[in-house]
């Protein structure tokens, strides 16, 4: 697949504050149809009918592309998120400073990410997105509530002193479960000090692709293709460089395009440990309080509320389908089969 190489401005370290119902048929979603979108200084092949939301400019430019009929489906990129605290001590110090009449600390609402790592940063993302400054920047920012990390693979960081991970995780929105892949870099800007304003860090070039948990594996390729098609105009890049030349000078050579980021995501997905797929399904059942049964004669998999099997096992002779078994172990084919609604199918 040909992809436009872009000069996406990676994050400069600037102090600004920032900071998912479809029915069961979505499980069977195939490749998404993409359409060209012209955003002026940028273009992208987005899934047809999805909304594009943007905020910021240059180093803090961000976009979210979302299916209005299924908010769990989204592609997003944030150039810069933060700052956040790297120690509770520093946050309390800033509180004390403000209570004694000091100037307001713009990021005082931000959470503490300790220890600082991409995984920990992503787990705190819902707290970041909920701050007033993040809501002012982009009210539609993904919240990624109740995030459960399935895997986190270290990657080469595009910024000196930064740390980067490709993270697979489950999350929730409005009581529904989503799954996604996230490429996150974190970098500490200031060390913890005895003075106000120290001990802060940023998340940079945060790329995410998500969908409902049941359909993510089928949509992942299309979502990555969309992300990788993003491109910005050279004139816009040059203008940003002129405005922030001093800041960009130190990271210019570290610039990584979103196309390259999408390559990392795709490669990481293709090379993933397949047991992670089973882990994701088991974690999903635990979160949703579900259990899966299968028919060893047909290979069909059914989903029920927790506790159904115990009752069924006592009276299985009353059912025509009397041979159902709990799905356990690590049978990949069974765990990755879309489960049928047990209540509707059992007889």
C-alpha atoms as a PDB file:
ATOM      1  CA  UNK A   1       0.000   0.000   0.000  1.00  0.00           C
ATOM      2  CA  UNK A   2       1.369   3.449  -0.987  1.00  0.00           C
ATOM      3  CA  UNK A   3       1.325   6.001   1.791  1.00  0.00           C
ATOM      4  CA  UNK A   4       2.075   9.685   1.615  1.00  0.00           C
ATOM      5  CA  UNK A   5       5.113  10.475   3.661  1.00  0.00           C
ATOM      6  CA  UNK A   6       4.256  13.444   5.782  1.00  0.00           C
ATOM      7  CA  UNK A   7       6.059  15.971   7.865  1.00  0.00           C
ATOM      8  CA  UNK A   8       3.890  15.608  10.941  1.00  0.00           C
ATOM      9  CA  UNK A   9       5.281  17.872  13.562  1.00  0.00           C
ATOM     10  CA  UNK A  10       6.136  15.828  16.584  1.00  0.00           C
ATOM     11  CA  UNK A  11       5.759  17.245  19.947  1.00  0.00           C
ATOM     12  CA  UNK A  12       7.738  20.189  21.126  1.00  0.00           C
ATOM     13  CA  UNK A  13       7.968  20.746  24.813  1.00  0.00           C
ATOM     14  CA  UNK A  14       5.703  23.737  25.251  1.00  0.00           C
ATOM     15  CA  UNK A  15       3.678  24.506  28.325  1.00  0.00           C
ATOM     16  CA  UNK A  16       0.019  24.435  27.367  1.00  0.00           C
ATOM     17  CA  UNK A  17      -2.663  22.680  29.261  1.00  0.00           C
ATOM     18  CA  UNK A  18      -4.940  20.016  28.074  1.00  0.00           C
ATOM     19  CA  UNK A  19      -5.555  18.386  28.564  1.00  0.00           C
ATOM     20  CA  UNK A  20     -17.900   5.431  22.658  1.00  0.00           C
ATOM     21  CA  UNK A  21     -24.597   1.993  20.598  1.00  0.00           C
ATOM     22  CA  UNK A  22     -24.316  -0.369  17.808  1.00  0.00           C
ATOM     23  CA  UNK A  23     -26.009  -3.776  18.050  1.00  0.00           C
ATOM     24  CA  UNK A  24     -24.565  -7.228  17.647  1.00  0.00           C
ATOM     25  CA  UNK A  25     -24.294  -6.944  13.873  1.00  0.00           C
ATOM     26  CA  UNK A  26     -21.236  -4.695  14.334  1.00  0.00           C
ATOM     27  CA  UNK A  27     -19.317  -7.811  15.356  1.00  0.00           C
ATOM     28  CA  UNK A  28     -19.349  -8.896  11.744  1.00  0.00           C
ATOM     29  CA  UNK A  29     -17.993  -5.635  10.331  1.00  0.00           C
ATOM     30  CA  UNK A  30     -15.625  -6.086   7.411  1.00  0.00           C
ATOM     31  CA  UNK A  31     -13.122  -3.637   5.952  1.00  0.00           C
ATOM     32  CA  UNK A  32     -14.261  -0.042   6.168  1.00  0.00           C
ATOM     33  CA  UNK A  33     -14.782   2.026   3.043  1.00  0.00           C
ATOM     34  CA  UNK A  34     -12.469   5.050   3.162  1.00  0.00           C
ATOM     35  CA  UNK A  35     -13.015   8.458   1.648  1.00  0.00           C
ATOM     36  CA  UNK A  36     -10.652  11.389   1.155  1.00  0.00           C
ATOM     37  CA  UNK A  37     -11.014  14.289   3.577  1.00  0.00           C
ATOM     38  CA  UNK A  38      -9.429  17.704   3.078  1.00  0.00           C
ATOM     39  CA  UNK A  39      -8.945  19.625   6.299  1.00  0.00           C
ATOM     40  CA  UNK A  40      -7.118  22.558   4.743  1.00  0.00           C
ATOM     41  CA  UNK A  41      -3.580  22.133   6.005  1.00  0.00           C
ATOM     42  CA  UNK A  42      -4.017  18.356   6.333  1.00  0.00           C
ATOM     43  CA  UNK A  43      -5.693  15.473   4.502  1.00  0.00           C
ATOM     44  CA  UNK A  44      -6.604  11.931   5.489  1.00  0.00           C
ATOM     45  CA  UNK A  45      -8.513   8.934   4.143  1.00  0.00           C
ATOM     46  CA  UNK A  46     -11.171   8.547   6.803  1.00  0.00           C
ATOM     47  CA  UNK A  47     -13.872   5.903   7.142  1.00  0.00           C
ATOM     48  CA  UNK A  48     -16.892   6.991   5.134  1.00  0.00           C
ATOM     49  CA  UNK A  49     -19.436   8.933   7.157  1.00  0.00           C
ATOM     50  CA  UNK A  50     -17.215   9.424  10.190  1.00  0.00           C
ATOM     51  CA  UNK A  51     -16.868  12.850  11.805  1.00  0.00           C
ATOM     52  CA  UNK A  52     -13.576  14.725  12.016  1.00  0.00           C
ATOM     53  CA  UNK A  53     -12.838  16.806  15.113  1.00  0.00           C
ATOM     54  CA  UNK A  54      -9.685  18.935  15.365  1.00  0.00           C
ATOM     55  CA  UNK A  55      -8.057  21.212  17.915  1.00  0.00           C
ATOM     56  CA  UNK A  56      -4.787  23.044  18.414  1.00  0.00           C
ATOM     57  CA  UNK A  57      -2.093  23.928  15.944  1.00  0.00           C
ATOM     58  CA  UNK A  58       1.513  23.030  15.236  1.00  0.00           C
ATOM     59  CA  UNK A  59       2.944  21.074  18.155  1.00  0.00           C
ATOM     60  CA  UNK A  60      -0.388  20.554  19.921  1.00  0.00           C
ATOM     61  CA  UNK A  61      -2.480  19.794  16.820  1.00  0.00           C
ATOM     62  CA  UNK A  62      -4.910  16.967  17.536  1.00  0.00           C
ATOM     63  CA  UNK A  63      -7.651  15.141  15.670  1.00  0.00           C
ATOM     64  CA  UNK A  64     -10.312  12.581  16.522  1.00  0.00           C
ATOM     65  CA  UNK A  65     -12.174  10.744  13.726  1.00  0.00           C
ATOM     66  CA  UNK A  66     -15.254   8.968  15.079  1.00  0.00           C
ATOM     67  CA  UNK A  67     -18.268   7.030  13.853  1.00  0.00           C
ATOM     68  CA  UNK A  68     -21.292   9.049  15.056  1.00  0.00           C
ATOM     69  CA  UNK A  69     -23.410   5.875  15.119  1.00  0.00           C
ATOM     70  CA  UNK A  70     -20.849   3.931  17.191  1.00  0.00           C
ATOM     71  CA  UNK A  71     -18.575   6.153  19.306  1.00  0.00           C
ATOM     72  CA  UNK A  72     -16.318   3.230  20.219  1.00  0.00           C
ATOM     73  CA  UNK A  73     -15.020   3.341  16.631  1.00  0.00           C
ATOM     74  CA  UNK A  74     -12.362   6.008  16.360  1.00  0.00           C
ATOM     75  CA  UNK A  75      -8.934   7.037  15.072  1.00  0.00           C
ATOM     76  CA  UNK A  76      -7.095   9.776  16.923  1.00  0.00           C
ATOM     77  CA  UNK A  77      -3.778  11.535  17.302  1.00  0.00           C
ATOM     78  CA  UNK A  78      -2.674  14.053  19.899  1.00  0.00           C
ATOM     79  CA  UNK A  79       0.601  15.872  19.296  1.00  0.00           C
ATOM     80  CA  UNK A  80       1.042  16.849  22.912  1.00  0.00           C
ATOM     81  CA  UNK A  81      -0.848  16.068  26.111  1.00  0.00           C
ATOM     82  CA  UNK A  82       0.009  17.580  29.442  1.00  0.00           C
ATOM     83  CA  UNK A  83       1.763  18.524  31.487  1.00  0.00           C
ATOM     84  CA  UNK A  84       1.076  15.916  34.159  1.00  0.00           C
ATOM     85  CA  UNK A  85       2.773  15.504  37.509  1.00  0.00           C
ATOM     86  CA  UNK A  86       5.406  12.847  38.111  1.00  0.00           C
ATOM     87  CA  UNK A  87       5.157  12.957  41.920  1.00  0.00           C
ATOM     88  CA  UNK A  88       2.465  13.621  44.519  1.00  0.00           C
ATOM     89  CA  UNK A  89       5.010  15.693  46.439  1.00  0.00           C
ATOM     90  CA  UNK A  90       5.301  18.189  43.612  1.00  0.00           C
ATOM     91  CA  UNK A  91       1.535  18.483  43.210  1.00  0.00           C
ATOM     92  CA  UNK A  92       1.074  19.170  46.923  1.00  0.00           C
ATOM     93  CA  UNK A  93       3.840  21.740  46.762  1.00  0.00           C
ATOM     94  CA  UNK A  94       1.989  23.542  43.983  1.00  0.00           C
ATOM     95  CA  UNK A  95      -1.247  23.438  46.014  1.00  0.00           C
ATOM     96  CA  UNK A  96       0.545  25.007  48.976  1.00  0.00           C
ATOM     97  CA  UNK A  97       2.096  27.665  46.774  1.00  0.00           C
ATOM     98  CA  UNK A  98      -1.301  28.629  45.358  1.00  0.00           C
ATOM     99  CA  UNK A  99      -2.986  28.620  48.786  1.00  0.00           C
ATOM    100  CA  UNK A 100      -0.383  31.088  50.003  1.00  0.00           C
ATOM    101  CA  UNK A 101      -1.268  33.574  47.285  1.00  0.00           C
ATOM    102  CA  UNK A 102       1.011  32.395  44.496  1.00  0.00           C
ATOM    103  CA  UNK A 103       0.133  32.530  40.824  1.00  0.00           C
ATOM    104  CA  UNK A 104      -2.289  29.841  39.610  1.00  0.00           C
ATOM    105  CA  UNK A 105      -0.572  26.704  38.330  1.00  0.00           C
ATOM    106  CA  UNK A 106      -2.306  26.005  35.013  1.00  0.00           C
ATOM    107  CA  UNK A 107      -1.975  22.221  35.271  1.00  0.00           C
ATOM    108  CA  UNK A 108      -2.969  21.812  38.934  1.00  0.00           C
ATOM    109  CA  UNK A 109      -5.936  19.575  37.945  1.00  0.00           C
ATOM    110  CA  UNK A 110      -3.681  17.126  36.158  1.00  0.00           C
ATOM    111  CA  UNK A 111      -3.125  13.668  37.688  1.00  0.00           C
ATOM    112  CA  UNK A 112       0.097  12.205  39.052  1.00  0.00           C
ATOM    113  CA  UNK A 113       1.665   9.617  36.729  1.00  0.00           C
ATOM    114  CA  UNK A 114       4.094   7.782  38.982  1.00  0.00           C
ATOM    115  CA  UNK A 115       6.190   6.053  37.911  1.00  0.00           C
ATOM    116  CA  UNK A 116       6.218   7.806  34.576  1.00  0.00           C
ATOM    117  CA  UNK A 117       5.670   5.307  31.744  1.00  0.00           C
ATOM    118  CA  UNK A 118       3.520   5.189  28.604  1.00  0.00           C
ATOM    119  CA  UNK A 119       1.273   2.526  30.159  1.00  0.00           C
ATOM    120  CA  UNK A 120       0.722   4.497  33.341  1.00  0.00           C
ATOM    121  CA  UNK A 121       0.095   7.640  31.312  1.00  0.00           C
ATOM    122  CA  UNK A 122      -2.590   5.891  29.239  1.00  0.00           C
ATOM    123  CA  UNK A 123      -4.258   4.553  32.385  1.00  0.00           C
ATOM    124  CA  UNK A 124      -4.541   8.125  33.643  1.00  0.00           C
ATOM    125  CA  UNK A 125      -5.835   9.449  30.311  1.00  0.00           C
ATOM    126  CA  UNK A 126      -9.456   9.574  31.495  1.00  0.00           C
ATOM    127  CA  UNK A 127      -8.435  11.862  34.356  1.00  0.00           C
ATOM    128  CA  UNK A 128      -6.535  14.112  31.973  1.00  0.00           C
ATOM    129  CA  UNK A 129      -9.473  14.230  29.555  1.00  0.00           C
ATOM    130  CA  UNK A 130     -11.807  15.192  32.393  1.00  0.00           C
ATOM    131  CA  UNK A 131      -9.914  18.329  33.445  1.00  0.00           C
ATOM    132  CA  UNK A 132     -11.379  21.711  32.606  1.00  0.00           C
ATOM    133  CA  UNK A 133      -8.391  22.648  30.489  1.00  0.00           C
ATOM    134  CA  UNK A 134      -8.704  19.441  28.422  1.00  0.00           C
ATOM    135  CA  UNK A 135     -12.438  19.991  27.948  1.00  0.00           C
ATOM    136  CA  UNK A 136     -11.744  23.531  26.829  1.00  0.00           C
ATOM    137  CA  UNK A 137      -9.181  22.253  24.322  1.00  0.00           C
ATOM    138  CA  UNK A 138     -11.359  19.441  22.908  1.00  0.00           C
ATOM    139  CA  UNK A 139     -14.653  18.508  24.602  1.00  0.00           C
ATOM    140  CA  UNK A 140     -14.874  15.357  22.426  1.00  0.00           C
ATOM    141  CA  UNK A 141     -11.522  14.019  23.653  1.00  0.00           C
ATOM    142  CA  UNK A 142     -11.627  10.217  24.209  1.00  0.00           C
ATOM    143  CA  UNK A 143     -11.898   9.360  27.901  1.00  0.00           C
ATOM    144  CA  UNK A 144     -10.865   5.679  27.822  1.00  0.00           C
ATOM    145  CA  UNK A 145     -12.534   4.852  31.130  1.00  0.00           C
ATOM    146  CA  UNK A 146     -11.676   1.725  33.150  1.00  0.00           C
ATOM    147  CA  UNK A 147      -8.654   0.949  31.015  1.00  0.00           C
ATOM    148  CA  UNK A 148      -7.301  -2.620  31.258  1.00  0.00           C
ATOM    149  CA  UNK A 149      -3.927  -3.188  29.611  1.00  0.00           C
ATOM    150  CA  UNK A 150      -3.554  -6.496  27.737  1.00  0.00           C
ATOM    151  CA  UNK A 151       0.022  -5.959  26.534  1.00  0.00           C
ATOM    152  CA  UNK A 152       2.633  -3.227  26.316  1.00  0.00           C
ATOM    153  CA  UNK A 153       5.610  -3.574  23.965  1.00  0.00           C
ATOM    154  CA  UNK A 154       8.527  -1.095  24.194  1.00  0.00           C
ATOM    155  CA  UNK A 155       9.346   0.772  20.977  1.00  0.00           C
ATOM    156  CA  UNK A 156      12.180   3.029  19.863  1.00  0.00           C
ATOM    157  CA  UNK A 157      11.335   6.491  21.163  1.00  0.00           C
ATOM    158  CA  UNK A 158      11.306   9.381  18.653  1.00  0.00           C
ATOM    159  CA  UNK A 159      12.436  11.809  21.359  1.00  0.00           C
ATOM    160  CA  UNK A 160      15.738  11.695  23.231  1.00  0.00           C
ATOM    161  CA  UNK A 161      15.071  10.769  26.838  1.00  0.00           C
ATOM    162  CA  UNK A 162      11.530   9.674  26.032  1.00  0.00           C
ATOM    163  CA  UNK A 163       9.890   6.276  26.501  1.00  0.00           C
ATOM    164  CA  UNK A 164       7.535   4.743  23.917  1.00  0.00           C
ATOM    165  CA  UNK A 165       5.206   1.728  24.067  1.00  0.00           C
ATOM    166  CA  UNK A 166       2.669   0.074  21.777  1.00  0.00           C
ATOM    167  CA  UNK A 167      -0.219  -0.752  24.092  1.00  0.00           C
ATOM    168  CA  UNK A 168      -3.198  -3.032  23.576  1.00  0.00           C
ATOM    169  CA  UNK A 169      -6.017  -2.350  26.003  1.00  0.00           C
ATOM    170  CA  UNK A 170      -9.703  -2.674  26.804  1.00  0.00           C
ATOM    171  CA  UNK A 171     -11.723   0.304  27.994  1.00  0.00           C
ATOM    172  CA  UNK A 172     -15.331   1.254  28.542  1.00  0.00           C
ATOM    173  CA  UNK A 173     -17.732   3.979  27.431  1.00  0.00           C
ATOM    174  CA  UNK A 174     -21.311   4.263  28.597  1.00  0.00           C
ATOM    175  CA  UNK A 175     -21.178   0.741  29.993  1.00  0.00           C
ATOM    176  CA  UNK A 176     -19.924  -0.805  26.731  1.00  0.00           C
ATOM    177  CA  UNK A 177     -16.541  -2.366  26.111  1.00  0.00           C
ATOM    178  CA  UNK A 178     -14.009  -1.138  23.567  1.00  0.00           C
ATOM    179  CA  UNK A 179     -10.626  -2.413  22.465  1.00  0.00           C
ATOM    180  CA  UNK A 180      -7.741  -0.524  20.961  1.00  0.00           C
ATOM    181  CA  UNK A 181      -4.097  -0.143  20.093  1.00  0.00           C
ATOM    182  CA  UNK A 182      -2.249   2.920  21.299  1.00  0.00           C
ATOM    183  CA  UNK A 183       1.227   4.230  20.525  1.00  0.00           C
ATOM    184  CA  UNK A 184       2.296   6.485  23.395  1.00  0.00           C
ATOM    185  CA  UNK A 185       5.502   8.384  24.141  1.00  0.00           C
ATOM    186  CA  UNK A 186       6.200  10.131  27.434  1.00  0.00           C
ATOM    187  CA  UNK A 187       9.011  12.491  28.299  1.00  0.00           C
ATOM    188  CA  UNK A 188       9.798  14.251  31.565  1.00  0.00           C
ATOM    189  CA  UNK A 189      10.276  17.967  31.144  1.00  0.00           C
ATOM    190  CA  UNK A 190      11.241  19.136  34.622  1.00  0.00           C
ATOM    191  CA  UNK A 191      12.593  17.170  37.593  1.00  0.00           C
ATOM    192  CA  UNK A 192      10.863  17.154  40.963  1.00  0.00           C
ATOM    193  CA  UNK A 193      12.042  20.231  42.828  1.00  0.00           C
ATOM    194  CA  UNK A 194      11.403  22.181  45.979  1.00  0.00           C
ATOM    195  CA  UNK A 195       9.938  24.993  43.906  1.00  0.00           C
ATOM    196  CA  UNK A 196       6.507  25.375  42.304  1.00  0.00           C
ATOM    197  CA  UNK A 197       6.196  24.218  38.717  1.00  0.00           C
ATOM    198  CA  UNK A 198       8.650  21.312  38.801  1.00  0.00           C
ATOM    199  CA  UNK A 199       8.116  17.593  38.416  1.00  0.00           C
ATOM    200  CA  UNK A 200       6.124  17.596  35.186  1.00  0.00           C
ATOM    201  CA  UNK A 201       6.021  15.458  32.033  1.00  0.00           C
ATOM    202  CA  UNK A 202       4.178  15.227  28.724  1.00  0.00           C
ATOM    203  CA  UNK A 203       2.585  12.560  26.590  1.00  0.00           C
ATOM    204  CA  UNK A 204       3.544  13.085  22.964  1.00  0.00           C
ATOM    205  CA  UNK A 205       2.367  11.883  19.555  1.00  0.00           C
ATOM    206  CA  UNK A 206      -0.378   9.726  21.068  1.00  0.00           C
ATOM    207  CA  UNK A 207      -1.957   7.617  18.323  1.00  0.00           C
ATOM    208  CA  UNK A 208      -5.015   5.454  18.981  1.00  0.00           C
ATOM    209  CA  UNK A 209      -7.310   3.196  16.962  1.00  0.00           C
ATOM    210  CA  UNK A 210     -10.338   1.673  18.675  1.00  0.00           C
ATOM    211  CA  UNK A 211     -13.601  -0.188  18.065  1.00  0.00           C
ATOM    212  CA  UNK A 212     -16.023  -2.271  20.097  1.00  0.00           C
ATOM    213  CA  UNK A 213     -14.309  -5.259  21.647  1.00  0.00           C
ATOM    214  CA  UNK A 214     -16.146  -7.758  19.454  1.00  0.00           C
ATOM    215  CA  UNK A 215     -15.214  -6.120  16.162  1.00  0.00           C
ATOM    216  CA  UNK A 216     -11.775  -4.633  16.734  1.00  0.00           C
ATOM    217  CA  UNK A 217      -9.774  -7.490  15.215  1.00  0.00           C
ATOM    218  CA  UNK A 218     -11.843  -7.247  12.023  1.00  0.00           C
ATOM    219  CA  UNK A 219     -11.491  -3.485  11.739  1.00  0.00           C
ATOM    220  CA  UNK A 220      -7.876  -3.020  12.853  1.00  0.00           C
ATOM    221  CA  UNK A 221      -6.379  -3.049   9.355  1.00  0.00           C
ATOM    222  CA  UNK A 222      -8.782  -0.414   8.033  1.00  0.00           C
ATOM    223  CA  UNK A 223      -8.244   1.805  11.055  1.00  0.00           C
ATOM    224  CA  UNK A 224      -4.457   1.631  10.682  1.00  0.00           C
ATOM    225  CA  UNK A 225      -4.755   2.356   6.951  1.00  0.00           C
ATOM    226  CA  UNK A 226      -6.751   5.474   7.759  1.00  0.00           C
ATOM    227  CA  UNK A 227      -4.256   6.699  10.350  1.00  0.00           C
ATOM    228  CA  UNK A 228      -1.339   6.075   8.006  1.00  0.00           C
ATOM    229  CA  UNK A 229      -2.862   8.173   5.215  1.00  0.00           C
ATOM    230  CA  UNK A 230      -2.669  11.390   7.250  1.00  0.00           C
ATOM    231  CA  UNK A 231      -0.609  14.111   5.634  1.00  0.00           C
ATOM    232  CA  UNK A 232       0.026  17.806   6.227  1.00  0.00           C
ATOM    233  CA  UNK A 233       1.097  20.508   3.806  1.00  0.00           C
ATOM    234  CA  UNK A 234       4.724  21.607   3.638  1.00  0.00           C
ATOM    235  CA  UNK A 235       3.614  25.232   3.911  1.00  0.00           C
ATOM    236  CA  UNK A 236       1.955  24.492   7.252  1.00  0.00           C
ATOM    237  CA  UNK A 237       5.041  22.695   8.483  1.00  0.00           C
ATOM    238  CA  UNK A 238       7.284  25.570   7.432  1.00  0.00           C
ATOM    239  CA  UNK A 239       5.051  28.051   9.190  1.00  0.00           C
ATOM    240  CA  UNK A 240       5.133  26.025  12.383  1.00  0.00           C
ATOM    241  CA  UNK A 241       8.900  25.755  12.153  1.00  0.00           C
ATOM    242  CA  UNK A 242       9.196  29.521  11.785  1.00  0.00           C
ATOM    243  CA  UNK A 243       6.966  30.149  14.790  1.00  0.00           C
ATOM    244  CA  UNK A 244       8.653  27.629  17.046  1.00  0.00           C
ATOM    245  CA  UNK A 245      12.122  27.289  15.570  1.00  0.00           C
ATOM    246  CA  UNK A 246      13.922  27.295  18.876  1.00  0.00           C
ATOM    247  CA  UNK A 247      11.727  24.570  20.278  1.00  0.00           C
ATOM    248  CA  UNK A 248      11.813  22.420  17.176  1.00  0.00           C
ATOM    249  CA  UNK A 249      15.541  22.660  16.653  1.00  0.00           C
ATOM    250  CA  UNK A 250      16.259  19.974  19.221  1.00  0.00           C
ATOM    251  CA  UNK A 251      13.756  17.423  17.919  1.00  0.00           C
ATOM    252  CA  UNK A 252      13.805  17.971  14.177  1.00  0.00           C
ATOM    253  CA  UNK A 253      15.886  14.882  13.511  1.00  0.00           C
ATOM    254  CA  UNK A 254      13.607  12.865  15.768  1.00  0.00           C
ATOM    255  CA  UNK A 255      10.511  13.726  13.705  1.00  0.00           C
ATOM    256  CA  UNK A 256       8.425  10.666  12.921  1.00  0.00           C
ATOM    257  CA  UNK A 257       5.478  10.691  10.564  1.00  0.00           C
ATOM    258  CA  UNK A 258       2.105   9.310  11.468  1.00  0.00           C
ATOM    259  CA  UNK A 259       2.582   6.964   8.529  1.00  0.00           C
ATOM    260  CA  UNK A 260       5.626   5.518  10.268  1.00  0.00           C
ATOM    261  CA  UNK A 261       3.677   5.308  13.521  1.00  0.00           C
ATOM    262  CA  UNK A 262       0.942   3.363  11.747  1.00  0.00           C
ATOM    263  CA  UNK A 263       3.576   1.003  10.372  1.00  0.00           C
ATOM    264  CA  UNK A 264       4.681   0.330  13.958  1.00  0.00           C
ATOM    265  CA  UNK A 265       1.106  -0.329  15.019  1.00  0.00           C
ATOM    266  CA  UNK A 266       0.459  -2.688  12.106  1.00  0.00           C
ATOM    267  CA  UNK A 267       3.717  -4.543  12.607  1.00  0.00           C
ATOM    268  CA  UNK A 268       3.093  -4.871  16.322  1.00  0.00           C
ATOM    269  CA  UNK A 269      -0.403  -6.224  15.659  1.00  0.00           C
ATOM    270  CA  UNK A 270       0.769  -8.745  13.070  1.00  0.00           C
ATOM    271  CA  UNK A 271       3.599  -9.924  15.339  1.00  0.00           C
ATOM    272  CA  UNK A 272       1.521  -9.995  18.523  1.00  0.00           C
ATOM    273  CA  UNK A 273       1.473 -13.025  20.780  1.00  0.00           C
ATOM    274  CA  UNK A 274      -1.780 -14.767  19.838  1.00  0.00           C
ATOM    275  CA  UNK A 275      -2.369 -15.680  23.455  1.00  0.00           C
ATOM    276  CA  UNK A 276      -3.069 -11.979  23.968  1.00  0.00           C
ATOM    277  CA  UNK A 277      -6.240 -12.456  21.897  1.00  0.00           C
ATOM    278  CA  UNK A 278      -7.388 -15.069  24.405  1.00  0.00           C
ATOM    279  CA  UNK A 279      -6.383 -12.843  27.329  1.00  0.00           C
ATOM    280  CA  UNK A 280      -8.439 -10.022  25.841  1.00  0.00           C
ATOM    281  CA  UNK A 281     -11.516 -12.268  25.527  1.00  0.00           C
ATOM    282  CA  UNK A 282     -11.161 -13.603  29.069  1.00  0.00           C
ATOM    283  CA  UNK A 283     -10.680 -10.105  30.443  1.00  0.00           C
ATOM    284  CA  UNK A 284     -13.721  -8.948  28.506  1.00  0.00           C
ATOM    285  CA  UNK A 285     -15.846 -11.713  30.074  1.00  0.00           C
ATOM    286  CA  UNK A 286     -14.608 -10.776  33.536  1.00  0.00           C
ATOM    287  CA  UNK A 287     -15.407  -7.096  33.045  1.00  0.00           C
ATOM    288  CA  UNK A 288     -18.852  -7.756  31.561  1.00  0.00           C
ATOM    289  CA  UNK A 289     -19.588 -10.572  34.041  1.00  0.00           C
ATOM    290  CA  UNK A 290     -20.186 -13.076  31.250  1.00  0.00           C
ATOM    291  CA  UNK A 291     -19.262 -16.716  30.751  1.00  0.00           C
ATOM    292  CA  UNK A 292     -18.915 -18.734  27.554  1.00  0.00           C
ATOM    293  CA  UNK A 293     -20.160 -22.241  26.904  1.00  0.00           C
ATOM    294  CA  UNK A 294     -19.503 -24.304  23.813  1.00  0.00           C
ATOM    295  CA  UNK A 295     -21.066 -27.311  22.145  1.00  0.00           C
ATOM    296  CA  UNK A 296     -18.275 -29.879  21.550  1.00  0.00           C
ATOM    297  CA  UNK A 297     -20.410 -31.529  18.859  1.00  0.00           C
ATOM    298  CA  UNK A 298     -20.872 -28.403  16.705  1.00  0.00           C
ATOM    299  CA  UNK A 299     -18.115 -26.061  17.882  1.00  0.00           C
ATOM    300  CA  UNK A 300     -20.662 -23.278  18.474  1.00  0.00           C
ATOM    301  CA  UNK A 301     -19.860 -20.853  21.295  1.00  0.00           C
ATOM    302  CA  UNK A 302     -22.559 -19.212  23.408  1.00  0.00           C
ATOM    303  CA  UNK A 303     -22.450 -16.324  25.839  1.00  0.00           C
ATOM    304  CA  UNK A 304     -24.411 -16.192  29.104  1.00  0.00           C
ATOM    305  CA  UNK A 305     -24.512 -14.190  32.302  1.00  0.00           C
ATOM    306  CA  UNK A 306     -22.141 -15.434  34.992  1.00  0.00           C
ATOM    307  CA  UNK A 307     -23.602 -18.306  36.991  1.00  0.00           C
ATOM    308  CA  UNK A 308     -25.722 -19.781  34.206  1.00  0.00           C
ATOM    309  CA  UNK A 309     -23.575 -22.886  33.832  1.00  0.00           C
ATOM    310  CA  UNK A 310     -23.992 -23.947  37.469  1.00  0.00           C
ATOM    311  CA  UNK A 311     -27.772 -23.943  37.084  1.00  0.00           C
ATOM    312  CA  UNK A 312     -27.619 -25.532  33.641  1.00  0.00           C
ATOM    313  CA  UNK A 313     -25.326 -28.320  34.813  1.00  0.00           C
ATOM    314  CA  UNK A 314     -27.784 -29.352  37.507  1.00  0.00           C
ATOM    315  CA  UNK A 315     -30.653 -29.684  35.008  1.00  0.00           C
ATOM    316  CA  UNK A 316     -28.903 -30.279  31.693  1.00  0.00           C
ATOM    317  CA  UNK A 317     -31.130 -33.276  30.930  1.00  0.00           C
ATOM    318  CA  UNK A 318     -34.039 -30.854  30.565  1.00  0.00           C
ATOM    319  CA  UNK A 319     -32.351 -29.247  27.574  1.00  0.00           C
ATOM    320  CA  UNK A 320     -32.141 -30.550  24.031  1.00  0.00           C
ATOM    321  CA  UNK A 321     -28.681 -28.974  23.989  1.00  0.00           C
ATOM    322  CA  UNK A 322     -27.513 -31.067  26.934  1.00  0.00           C
ATOM    323  CA  UNK A 323     -23.814 -31.266  26.186  1.00  0.00           C
ATOM    324  CA  UNK A 324     -22.659 -27.665  26.651  1.00  0.00           C
ATOM    325  CA  UNK A 325     -19.334 -27.189  28.421  1.00  0.00           C
ATOM    326  CA  UNK A 326     -17.626 -24.197  29.989  1.00  0.00           C
ATOM    327  CA  UNK A 327     -15.089 -22.660  27.638  1.00  0.00           C
ATOM    328  CA  UNK A 328     -11.779 -22.833  29.433  1.00  0.00           C
ATOM    329  CA  UNK A 329      -8.160 -23.438  28.557  1.00  0.00           C
ATOM    330  CA  UNK A 330      -6.498 -21.796  25.581  1.00  0.00           C
ATOM    331  CA  UNK A 331      -8.276 -23.044  22.476  1.00  0.00           C
ATOM    332  CA  UNK A 332      -7.639 -20.119  20.137  1.00  0.00           C
ATOM    333  CA  UNK A 333     -10.348 -20.935  17.608  1.00  0.00           C
ATOM    334  CA  UNK A 334     -13.041 -21.209  20.263  1.00  0.00           C
ATOM    335  CA  UNK A 335     -12.005 -18.094  22.158  1.00  0.00           C
ATOM    336  CA  UNK A 336     -11.869 -15.984  19.003  1.00  0.00           C
ATOM    337  CA  UNK A 337     -15.210 -17.202  17.644  1.00  0.00           C
ATOM    338  CA  UNK A 338     -17.879 -14.525  17.981  1.00  0.00           C
ATOM    339  CA  UNK A 339     -20.188 -15.933  20.689  1.00  0.00           C
ATOM    340  CA  UNK A 340     -23.909 -16.316  20.061  1.00  0.00           C
ATOM    341  CA  UNK A 341     -26.491 -15.004  22.508  1.00  0.00           C
ATOM    342  CA  UNK A 342     -27.017 -18.094  24.656  1.00  0.00           C
ATOM    343  CA  UNK A 343     -30.461 -17.115  25.937  1.00  0.00           C
ATOM    344  CA  UNK A 344     -31.776 -16.815  22.383  1.00  0.00           C
ATOM    345  CA  UNK A 345     -30.202 -20.000  21.077  1.00  0.00           C
ATOM    346  CA  UNK A 346     -30.349 -22.540  23.888  1.00  0.00           C
ATOM    347  CA  UNK A 347     -33.147 -25.080  23.644  1.00  0.00           C
END
